[in-house]
Protein backbone atom coordinates (compact mmCIF):
# COMPACT_ATOMS: atom_id res chain seq x y z
CA MET A 1 -39.31 -23.14 42.69
CA ASN A 2 -36.18 -24.31 44.48
CA ARG A 3 -34.49 -22.47 47.33
CA ILE A 4 -31.89 -20.84 45.13
CA VAL A 5 -34.54 -19.34 42.83
CA ARG A 6 -36.67 -18.17 45.77
CA ARG A 7 -33.59 -16.59 47.36
CA ALA A 8 -32.75 -14.78 44.12
CA ALA A 9 -36.33 -13.51 43.91
CA LEU A 10 -35.93 -11.97 47.35
CA ILE A 11 -32.49 -10.47 46.71
CA LEU A 12 -33.03 -8.95 43.27
CA PRO A 13 -35.74 -6.44 44.27
CA ALA A 14 -33.56 -5.24 47.15
CA ALA A 15 -30.62 -4.77 44.78
CA ALA A 16 -32.83 -2.88 42.36
CA LEU A 17 -33.93 -0.56 45.16
CA LEU A 18 -30.32 0.14 46.09
CA ILE A 19 -29.46 1.00 42.49
CA ALA A 20 -32.46 3.31 42.24
CA ALA A 21 -31.40 5.05 45.43
CA GLY A 22 -27.92 5.66 44.07
CA GLU A 23 -26.27 3.15 46.38
CA PRO A 24 -23.17 1.17 45.25
CA GLN A 25 -23.96 -1.92 43.25
CA HIS A 26 -21.52 -4.06 45.20
CA TYR A 27 -20.93 -4.87 48.86
CA GLN A 28 -18.01 -2.99 50.37
CA SER A 29 -17.18 -5.98 52.57
CA SER A 30 -16.80 -8.37 49.63
CA PRO A 31 -13.98 -7.26 47.33
CA GLU A 32 -13.34 -9.18 44.17
CA ARG A 33 -11.77 -12.53 44.99
CA ARG A 34 -8.22 -13.07 43.84
CA THR A 35 -7.38 -15.82 41.40
CA VAL A 36 -4.57 -18.13 42.49
CA GLU A 37 -2.93 -20.55 40.09
CA ASP A 38 -1.48 -23.57 41.85
CA THR A 39 1.57 -24.63 39.86
CA ARG A 40 3.10 -26.85 42.51
CA ASP A 41 3.68 -30.48 41.57
CA TRP A 42 1.99 -32.43 44.34
CA GLY A 43 3.16 -35.79 43.03
CA PRO A 44 1.33 -38.96 42.00
CA TRP A 45 -0.38 -39.53 45.36
CA ALA A 46 -0.98 -36.10 46.86
CA GLY A 47 -2.14 -34.53 43.60
CA PRO A 48 -5.14 -36.82 43.01
CA PHE A 49 -5.89 -36.82 46.74
CA ARG A 50 -6.15 -33.01 46.79
CA GLU A 51 -8.37 -33.02 43.72
CA GLN A 52 -10.73 -35.42 45.47
CA LEU A 53 -10.54 -33.66 48.83
CA VAL A 54 -11.13 -30.01 47.90
CA PRO A 55 -14.71 -30.36 46.56
CA SER A 56 -15.66 -32.26 49.73
CA LEU A 57 -14.15 -29.55 51.93
CA MET A 58 -16.28 -26.94 50.18
CA GLN A 59 -19.27 -28.63 51.83
CA ASP A 60 -17.69 -29.70 55.13
CA PHE A 61 -14.37 -27.94 55.76
CA GLY A 62 -13.83 -29.58 59.15
CA GLU A 63 -14.83 -33.03 57.85
CA LYS A 64 -17.19 -33.34 60.79
CA TYR A 65 -19.02 -36.16 59.05
CA LEU A 66 -16.12 -38.55 59.63
CA TYR A 67 -16.59 -39.02 63.38
CA ALA A 68 -20.27 -38.10 63.61
CA PRO A 69 -21.47 -41.74 63.79
CA ALA A 70 -18.84 -42.73 66.34
CA ASN A 71 -19.64 -39.68 68.46
CA ALA A 72 -23.35 -40.48 68.39
CA ALA A 73 -22.67 -44.07 69.46
CA LEU A 74 -20.30 -43.11 72.29
CA PRO A 75 -21.99 -43.30 75.70
CA ALA A 76 -21.66 -40.47 78.17
CA PRO A 77 -18.66 -40.84 80.46
CA ALA A 78 -19.17 -42.56 83.78
CA SER A 79 -19.12 -40.31 86.83
CA ASP A 80 -15.59 -41.39 87.75
CA GLU A 81 -14.24 -41.66 84.20
CA GLN A 82 -11.17 -39.60 83.32
CA ARG A 83 -11.99 -39.41 79.63
CA VAL A 84 -9.34 -37.85 77.38
CA VAL A 85 -9.77 -36.94 73.71
CA PHE A 86 -6.76 -36.80 71.38
CA ILE A 87 -7.42 -34.40 68.49
CA GLY A 88 -4.99 -34.03 65.62
CA ASP A 89 -3.98 -35.06 62.12
CA SER A 90 -2.65 -38.37 60.78
CA ILE A 91 0.01 -38.64 63.48
CA THR A 92 -2.82 -38.87 66.00
CA ASP A 93 -5.06 -40.88 63.69
CA LEU A 94 -2.41 -43.60 63.30
CA TRP A 95 -1.74 -43.83 67.04
CA ASP A 96 -3.23 -47.05 68.44
CA LEU A 97 -4.29 -45.66 71.80
CA GLU A 98 -5.71 -48.95 73.04
CA LYS A 99 -2.38 -50.65 72.45
CA PHE A 100 -0.18 -47.97 74.02
CA PHE A 101 -2.55 -47.00 76.84
CA PRO A 102 -4.41 -50.20 77.75
CA GLY A 103 -7.36 -49.65 80.03
CA GLU A 104 -7.27 -45.87 79.72
CA PRO A 105 -10.44 -44.06 78.54
CA TYR A 106 -8.59 -42.31 75.73
CA ILE A 107 -10.51 -41.47 72.55
CA ASN A 108 -8.82 -40.88 69.21
CA ARG A 109 -10.17 -38.08 67.05
CA GLY A 110 -7.31 -37.66 64.60
CA ILE A 111 -7.97 -37.11 60.89
CA GLY A 112 -5.26 -37.58 58.29
CA SER A 113 -4.07 -34.53 56.29
CA GLN A 114 -5.93 -32.03 58.47
CA VAL A 115 -4.64 -28.56 59.30
CA THR A 116 -5.25 -26.72 62.57
CA ALA A 117 -8.08 -24.62 61.10
CA GLN A 118 -10.02 -27.80 60.39
CA MET A 119 -9.36 -29.11 63.87
CA LEU A 120 -10.72 -25.86 65.27
CA VAL A 121 -13.89 -26.13 63.16
CA ARG A 122 -14.69 -29.59 64.51
CA PHE A 123 -13.50 -29.04 68.07
CA GLU A 124 -16.99 -28.57 69.54
CA GLN A 125 -18.31 -31.78 67.97
CA ASP A 126 -15.28 -34.04 68.29
CA VAL A 127 -14.06 -32.87 71.69
CA VAL A 128 -16.48 -30.77 73.74
CA ALA A 129 -19.57 -32.86 72.98
CA LEU A 130 -17.77 -36.00 74.22
CA ARG A 131 -17.44 -34.42 77.69
CA PRO A 132 -13.79 -35.30 78.36
CA LYS A 133 -11.82 -34.30 81.40
CA ALA A 134 -8.83 -33.39 79.21
CA VAL A 135 -7.90 -32.87 75.59
CA VAL A 136 -4.57 -33.54 73.89
CA ILE A 137 -3.98 -31.16 70.97
CA LEU A 138 -1.37 -32.04 68.33
CA GLY A 139 -1.32 -30.32 64.95
CA GLY A 140 0.56 -27.99 62.65
CA VAL A 141 2.86 -30.15 60.54
CA ASN A 142 0.41 -30.11 57.62
CA ASP A 143 -0.06 -26.35 57.89
CA VAL A 144 3.57 -25.60 57.18
CA SER A 145 3.58 -27.82 54.09
CA GLY A 146 0.86 -25.72 52.47
CA PHE A 147 -0.98 -28.90 51.49
CA LEU A 148 -4.42 -27.40 52.03
CA GLN A 149 -3.79 -23.73 52.74
CA VAL A 150 -0.87 -21.41 53.38
CA GLU A 151 -0.81 -20.51 57.07
CA SER A 152 1.59 -18.33 59.04
CA GLU A 153 3.29 -19.42 62.22
CA GLU A 154 1.14 -16.92 64.09
CA GLY A 155 -1.99 -18.37 62.49
CA ILE A 156 -1.08 -21.92 63.44
CA VAL A 157 -0.49 -20.99 67.07
CA SER A 158 -3.66 -18.87 67.10
CA ASN A 159 -5.74 -21.82 65.89
CA ILE A 160 -4.33 -24.03 68.63
CA GLU A 161 -4.84 -21.27 71.19
CA ALA A 162 -8.47 -20.93 70.07
CA MET A 163 -9.02 -24.65 70.66
CA ALA A 164 -7.54 -24.25 74.12
CA ASP A 165 -9.84 -21.28 74.74
CA ILE A 166 -12.87 -23.43 73.93
CA ALA A 167 -11.61 -26.16 76.23
CA ASP A 168 -11.08 -23.64 79.02
CA ARG A 169 -14.64 -22.39 78.64
CA HIS A 170 -15.97 -25.91 79.10
CA GLY A 171 -13.72 -26.87 82.00
CA ILE A 172 -11.60 -29.28 79.96
CA ALA A 173 -7.96 -29.57 80.98
CA VAL A 174 -5.54 -28.87 78.13
CA VAL A 175 -2.43 -30.73 77.02
CA LEU A 176 -0.54 -28.96 74.24
CA CYS A 177 1.90 -31.05 72.22
CA SER A 178 5.04 -30.12 70.36
CA ILE A 179 4.92 -30.81 66.64
CA LEU A 180 7.04 -33.87 65.92
CA PRO A 181 10.42 -33.34 64.25
CA VAL A 182 10.72 -34.46 60.63
CA THR A 183 13.53 -35.74 58.43
CA ASN A 184 14.40 -36.83 54.93
CA THR A 185 14.50 -40.58 54.34
CA PRO A 186 15.52 -42.78 51.42
CA GLN A 187 11.81 -43.15 50.63
CA ALA A 188 11.08 -39.41 50.96
CA ASP A 189 13.99 -37.07 50.28
CA TYR A 190 11.77 -33.95 50.06
CA VAL A 191 10.41 -33.86 53.61
CA GLU A 192 12.75 -31.25 55.08
CA THR A 193 12.05 -28.85 52.21
CA GLU A 194 8.31 -29.39 52.44
CA ARG A 195 7.89 -29.51 56.23
CA LYS A 196 10.45 -26.83 57.20
CA PRO A 197 12.16 -28.07 60.41
CA ALA A 198 13.30 -24.59 61.48
CA GLN A 199 9.75 -23.29 61.26
CA LEU A 200 8.45 -26.26 63.24
CA ARG A 201 10.96 -25.51 65.99
CA ARG A 202 9.84 -21.87 66.15
CA ILE A 203 6.20 -22.91 66.42
CA ASN A 204 7.08 -25.38 69.17
CA ALA A 205 8.82 -22.63 71.13
CA ARG A 206 5.67 -20.53 70.91
CA LEU A 207 3.49 -23.45 71.98
CA ALA A 208 5.73 -24.14 74.96
CA ALA A 209 5.49 -20.47 75.94
CA LEU A 210 1.71 -20.57 75.57
CA ALA A 211 1.50 -23.64 77.79
CA THR A 212 3.65 -21.96 80.43
CA SER A 213 1.68 -18.72 80.39
CA ARG A 214 -1.68 -20.52 80.62
CA GLY A 215 -0.63 -23.25 83.03
CA TYR A 216 -1.28 -26.04 80.53
CA ALA A 217 0.58 -29.32 80.47
CA PHE A 218 3.03 -29.57 77.58
CA ALA A 219 3.98 -32.85 75.94
CA ASP A 220 7.37 -32.22 74.36
CA TYR A 221 8.22 -35.11 72.07
CA THR A 222 11.36 -33.61 70.58
CA PRO A 223 13.87 -34.83 73.21
CA VAL A 224 12.89 -38.48 72.75
CA LEU A 225 12.54 -38.45 68.94
CA ALA A 226 15.14 -36.00 67.56
CA ASN A 227 18.80 -36.49 66.77
CA GLU A 228 21.57 -34.02 67.60
CA SER A 229 20.54 -31.90 64.59
CA GLY A 230 16.96 -31.63 65.79
CA LEU A 231 15.62 -33.92 63.05
CA LEU A 232 13.51 -37.03 63.55
CA GLN A 233 15.72 -40.07 64.04
CA GLN A 234 15.34 -42.23 60.96
CA ARG A 235 14.97 -45.39 63.01
CA PHE A 236 11.59 -44.05 64.18
CA THR A 237 10.10 -43.42 60.73
CA ARG A 238 9.94 -44.50 57.11
CA ASP A 239 8.39 -41.47 55.45
CA GLY A 240 10.10 -38.82 57.59
CA VAL A 241 6.87 -37.54 59.15
CA HIS A 242 4.92 -40.37 60.75
CA PRO A 243 6.43 -42.35 63.61
CA LEU A 244 6.69 -46.10 63.60
CA ALA A 245 5.55 -48.11 66.61
CA SER A 246 8.97 -47.53 68.15
CA GLY A 247 8.40 -43.78 67.89
CA TYR A 248 4.97 -43.95 69.44
CA ALA A 249 6.48 -46.02 72.24
CA ARG A 250 8.82 -43.10 72.99
CA MET A 251 5.92 -40.63 72.86
CA ALA A 252 3.51 -42.55 75.06
CA PRO A 253 5.09 -41.90 78.50
CA ILE A 254 5.60 -38.23 77.61
CA VAL A 255 1.94 -37.58 76.87
CA HIS A 256 0.72 -39.85 79.67
CA ALA A 257 2.70 -37.84 82.20
CA ALA A 258 1.35 -34.60 80.71
CA ILE A 259 -2.22 -35.89 80.96
CA GLU A 260 -1.71 -36.88 84.59
CA SER A 261 -0.34 -33.43 85.30
CA ALA A 262 -3.26 -31.73 83.58
CA LEU A 263 -5.84 -33.80 85.42
CA SER A 264 -4.23 -33.21 88.79
CA HIS A 265 -4.74 -29.44 88.64
């Protein structure tokens, strides 16, 4: 008898007893789930990717399996090591930290397409367990697109705040990052509709306020990447979301200074 059958054998008698006692036949805390029909056209790349991704997320929402081997192989930091973990989505994942920060003990734990809720789920494994002195948190641009789930501005900031709370509890200095500006490009003329620049700016204002109120360092990338309209300068991107090497070169001194500030407190 497998575990599911054994579990059913244990549950059914209890349910029968409740019915006999005149108790409700359903749990009050579990209302009937709603049915949502997704009619959005996700396009030739994102559509198949979502179809492949969703069943996997039902088993491992945070995708903790991705960095588990690398985490297990990573030695404990040396006594004088100022280890820093970068956690985020594809913008972090694509950042070649060794190239832009040579000699620095910076560890990349970005995962493409992730939303802030997933980052929160894996924060203990991919950040805390690595025993860093500081963490750099960058996320939110996928949340506003609704690619995986529909999240409010308050929810996005709350997820990031929760990660910072965990870091605080473990004595890890926090660097919050502004979400990068986005723009339409000849290759991707839908980005501004999908990624909602005005909403990103509102979230960034809230993150800046959170950093100020908590005494965190804040890496604000907008001044070095945005044009006069607040959109990502097209010379720094092809797809309107991810920076090219020239964009990362602009970002590097901003976050490095924020890390130094965080570690000095």
